[in-house]
Amino acid sequence: MSHAPAGCGGDGPAGTVGSISCSSTDFAKLSAELLGAGTAVRFEAHGASMAPLVRDGDVLAVRPADPGSIRLGDLVLVTDEHGRPLVHRVIRRTTGREGIRFTVQGDQVSRPDGVIPAAQVYGRVTTIERAGACIEVNRPSLRVLGWAAALRSRWNLRRGHGGRHAYRLAAGWVRKMPAFSKHLA
């Protein structure tokens, strides 16, 4: 983990600290503290739950985000009910007596991670660095892709009632569109 994003054309403030290795629990605590203090973080992603957009080894830049500004489809850094840090997509946002709460889910995961209180949402992914390229997550084409992925997860189109066929058709069509193909190939 780096103290602040230095890649992607200066996506973070000057004064980047070198990399450090730490456990996932320590990473969650340190990220929460830094993002809570208004400092962006940058780290290497591990796993395949967000493929093909976020791949194992990609470097993610996360900026602090007010819970009120987080939208359907955003990629957020959270801790789940077991204290594990995750970067998953917001598939639902609710406001109630307990305040703002989010349901998050990995794009390749069949079930949501649960309902996450705003206090466990530390920041929003702004960029993905891969093989020297910078993917700006807030570009309109990727916002649309995020929104569509969130709706697919909410509707659970992968299972039952012809949803699997509809999902495959839509996924093939999206992968052929120039705005998406270079990020999903």
Protein backbone atom coordinates (compact mmCIF):
# COMPACT_ATOMS: atom_id res chain seq x y z
CA MET A 1 0.00 0.00 0.00
CA SER A 2 1.20 3.50 -0.79
CA HIS A 3 0.26 6.54 1.26
CA ALA A 4 -1.13 8.43 -1.72
CA PRO A 5 -1.64 7.70 -5.39
CA ALA A 6 1.32 8.73 -7.47
CA GLY A 7 0.42 6.93 -10.66
CA CYS A 8 -2.07 7.89 -13.34
CA GLY A 9 -0.80 11.36 -14.00
CA GLY A 10 -0.51 12.56 -10.44
CA ASP A 11 -3.82 11.28 -9.13
CA GLY A 12 -2.73 12.06 -5.61
CA PRO A 13 -0.87 14.68 -3.62
CA ALA A 14 2.88 14.98 -3.68
CA GLY A 15 4.78 13.21 -0.94
CA THR A 16 3.96 9.63 -1.80
CA VAL A 17 5.35 7.19 0.71
CA GLY A 18 6.91 3.95 -0.49
CA SER A 19 5.15 0.62 -0.39
CA ILE A 20 4.56 -1.30 2.80
CA SER A 21 3.40 -4.86 3.37
CA CYS A 22 0.79 -5.59 6.00
CA SER A 23 -1.95 -8.04 6.91
CA SER A 24 -5.45 -7.48 5.55
CA THR A 25 -6.63 -6.47 9.05
CA ASP A 26 -3.85 -3.88 9.35
CA PHE A 27 -4.53 -2.71 5.79
CA ALA A 28 -8.21 -2.15 6.66
CA LYS A 29 -7.32 -0.18 9.79
CA LEU A 30 -4.64 1.91 8.08
CA SER A 31 -6.83 2.62 5.04
CA ALA A 32 -9.75 3.62 7.26
CA GLU A 33 -7.52 6.00 9.21
CA LEU A 34 -5.87 7.57 6.15
CA LEU A 35 -9.09 7.92 4.14
CA GLY A 36 -10.90 9.21 7.23
CA ALA A 37 -8.24 11.91 7.52
CA GLY A 38 -8.80 12.90 3.88
CA THR A 39 -5.75 11.16 2.40
CA ALA A 40 -6.04 9.00 -0.72
CA VAL A 41 -4.51 5.51 -0.77
CA ARG A 42 -3.15 3.33 -3.52
CA PHE A 43 -2.75 -0.45 -3.32
CA GLU A 44 -2.46 -3.64 -5.35
CA ALA A 45 -5.68 -5.58 -5.76
CA HIS A 46 -5.74 -9.32 -5.11
CA GLY A 47 -8.39 -11.78 -6.23
CA ALA A 48 -10.81 -12.20 -9.11
CA SER A 49 -14.15 -11.13 -7.61
CA MET A 50 -14.25 -7.93 -9.69
CA ALA A 51 -12.91 -9.34 -12.98
CA PRO A 52 -12.72 -8.39 -15.74
CA LEU A 53 -12.70 -4.70 -14.73
CA VAL A 54 -10.42 -5.09 -11.71
CA ARG A 55 -7.85 -7.84 -12.10
CA ASP A 56 -5.43 -9.49 -9.72
CA GLY A 57 -2.35 -7.25 -9.60
CA ASP A 58 -4.07 -4.03 -10.74
CA VAL A 59 -3.21 -0.98 -8.66
CA LEU A 60 -6.25 0.85 -7.34
CA ALA A 61 -6.40 4.46 -6.22
CA VAL A 62 -9.05 5.17 -3.60
CA ARG A 63 -10.12 8.64 -2.50
CA PRO A 64 -12.18 9.56 0.54
CA ALA A 65 -15.89 9.77 -0.23
CA ASP A 66 -18.79 11.19 1.70
CA PRO A 67 -21.35 8.36 2.04
CA GLY A 68 -24.02 10.69 0.67
CA SER A 69 -22.11 10.99 -2.61
CA ILE A 70 -21.70 7.25 -3.23
CA ARG A 71 -23.89 6.05 -6.10
CA LEU A 72 -25.21 2.81 -7.50
CA GLY A 73 -22.39 1.13 -9.45
CA ASP A 74 -19.50 2.81 -7.60
CA LEU A 75 -16.52 0.68 -6.60
CA VAL A 76 -15.90 1.21 -2.90
CA LEU A 77 -13.35 0.09 -0.32
CA VAL A 78 -15.26 -1.38 2.63
CA THR A 79 -14.82 -3.84 5.45
CA ASP A 80 -17.30 -6.68 5.63
CA GLU A 81 -18.91 -8.07 8.77
CA HIS A 82 -15.74 -10.07 9.49
CA GLY A 83 -13.48 -6.99 9.23
CA ARG A 84 -12.00 -8.03 5.85
CA PRO A 85 -11.25 -5.23 3.40
CA LEU A 86 -12.99 -5.53 0.02
CA VAL A 87 -13.32 -3.47 -3.11
CA HIS A 88 -16.75 -4.33 -4.45
CA ARG A 89 -19.55 -2.61 -6.33
CA VAL A 90 -22.46 -0.80 -4.69
CA ILE A 91 -25.61 -2.59 -5.85
CA ARG A 92 -28.05 -0.92 -3.48
CA ARG A 93 -28.12 2.13 -1.22
CA THR A 94 -30.73 2.63 1.49
CA THR A 95 -31.38 5.32 4.05
CA GLY A 96 -33.24 4.56 7.25
CA ARG A 97 -33.14 4.94 11.02
CA GLU A 98 -29.60 3.52 11.03
CA GLY A 99 -28.45 6.07 8.44
CA ILE A 100 -27.08 5.29 5.00
CA ARG A 101 -26.33 1.63 4.33
CA PHE A 102 -24.91 -0.06 1.25
CA THR A 103 -25.23 -3.50 -0.25
CA VAL A 104 -22.02 -4.39 -2.08
CA GLN A 105 -21.13 -7.34 -4.25
CA GLY A 106 -18.25 -8.48 -6.42
CA ASP A 107 -19.04 -8.66 -10.13
CA GLN A 108 -18.08 -12.36 -10.19
CA VAL A 109 -19.72 -13.27 -6.88
CA SER A 110 -23.17 -14.83 -6.74
CA ARG A 111 -24.27 -13.22 -3.47
CA PRO A 112 -23.91 -9.78 -1.88
CA ASP A 113 -21.45 -9.23 0.97
CA GLY A 114 -24.28 -8.04 3.17
CA VAL A 115 -25.51 -4.63 4.21
CA ILE A 116 -22.59 -2.36 5.06
CA PRO A 117 -23.10 0.70 7.29
CA ALA A 118 -21.68 3.98 6.00
CA ALA A 119 -19.02 3.90 8.74
CA GLN A 120 -17.49 0.82 7.07
CA VAL A 121 -17.28 2.46 3.63
CA TYR A 122 -13.88 4.14 3.51
CA GLY A 123 -13.59 5.50 0.00
CA ARG A 124 -14.36 5.27 -3.71
CA VAL A 125 -12.05 3.78 -6.34
CA THR A 126 -11.09 6.53 -8.80
CA THR A 127 -8.50 4.87 -11.02
CA ILE A 128 -7.21 1.44 -11.95
CA GLU A 129 -3.60 1.11 -13.12
CA ARG A 130 -2.84 -1.85 -15.36
CA ALA A 131 0.31 -2.49 -17.40
CA GLY A 132 1.21 1.20 -17.50
CA ALA A 133 -2.30 2.31 -18.50
CA CYS A 134 -4.64 4.36 -16.36
CA ILE A 135 -8.34 3.53 -16.33
CA GLU A 136 -10.45 6.42 -15.01
CA VAL A 137 -13.38 4.72 -13.31
CA ASN A 138 -15.58 7.83 -13.35
CA ARG A 139 -15.56 8.15 -17.14
CA PRO A 140 -19.13 8.11 -18.48
CA SER A 141 -18.69 4.79 -20.29
CA LEU A 142 -17.44 3.07 -17.15
CA ARG A 143 -20.17 4.70 -15.03
CA VAL A 144 -22.74 3.15 -17.39
CA LEU A 145 -20.94 -0.19 -17.18
CA GLY A 146 -20.92 0.04 -13.37
CA TRP A 147 -24.59 0.89 -13.26
CA ALA A 148 -25.43 -2.04 -15.55
CA ALA A 149 -23.30 -4.43 -13.47
CA ALA A 150 -25.03 -3.27 -10.29
CA LEU A 151 -28.46 -3.81 -11.81
CA ARG A 152 -27.42 -7.25 -13.09
CA SER A 153 -26.32 -8.19 -9.58
CA ARG A 154 -29.52 -6.84 -8.05
CA TRP A 155 -31.70 -8.69 -10.50
CA ASN A 156 -29.48 -11.76 -10.23
CA LEU A 157 -29.68 -12.35 -13.97
CA ARG A 158 -27.09 -15.07 -13.88
CA ARG A 159 -29.50 -17.60 -12.42
CA GLY A 160 -32.86 -18.91 -13.48
CA HIS A 161 -35.73 -17.75 -15.69
CA GLY A 162 -33.61 -17.37 -18.83
CA GLY A 163 -31.40 -14.85 -17.08
CA ARG A 164 -28.21 -16.71 -17.88
CA HIS A 165 -28.91 -16.51 -21.61
CA ALA A 166 -29.83 -12.81 -21.37
CA TYR A 167 -26.67 -12.14 -19.37
CA ARG A 168 -24.44 -13.88 -21.94
CA LEU A 169 -26.04 -11.97 -24.80
CA ALA A 170 -25.66 -8.64 -23.03
CA ALA A 171 -22.09 -9.40 -21.92
CA GLY A 172 -21.05 -10.32 -25.46
CA TRP A 173 -22.63 -7.16 -26.84
CA VAL A 174 -20.97 -4.93 -24.23
CA ARG A 175 -17.53 -6.49 -24.78
CA LYS A 176 -17.75 -5.60 -28.50
CA MET A 177 -18.46 -1.91 -27.86
CA PRO A 178 -15.29 0.18 -28.29
CA ALA A 179 -15.88 2.16 -25.10
CA PHE A 180 -15.80 -1.04 -23.04
CA SER A 181 -13.79 -3.59 -25.00
CA LYS A 182 -10.33 -2.30 -24.11
CA HIS A 183 -11.10 -2.62 -20.37
CA LEU A 184 -12.91 -5.96 -20.49
CA ALA A 185 -10.84 -7.94 -23.00
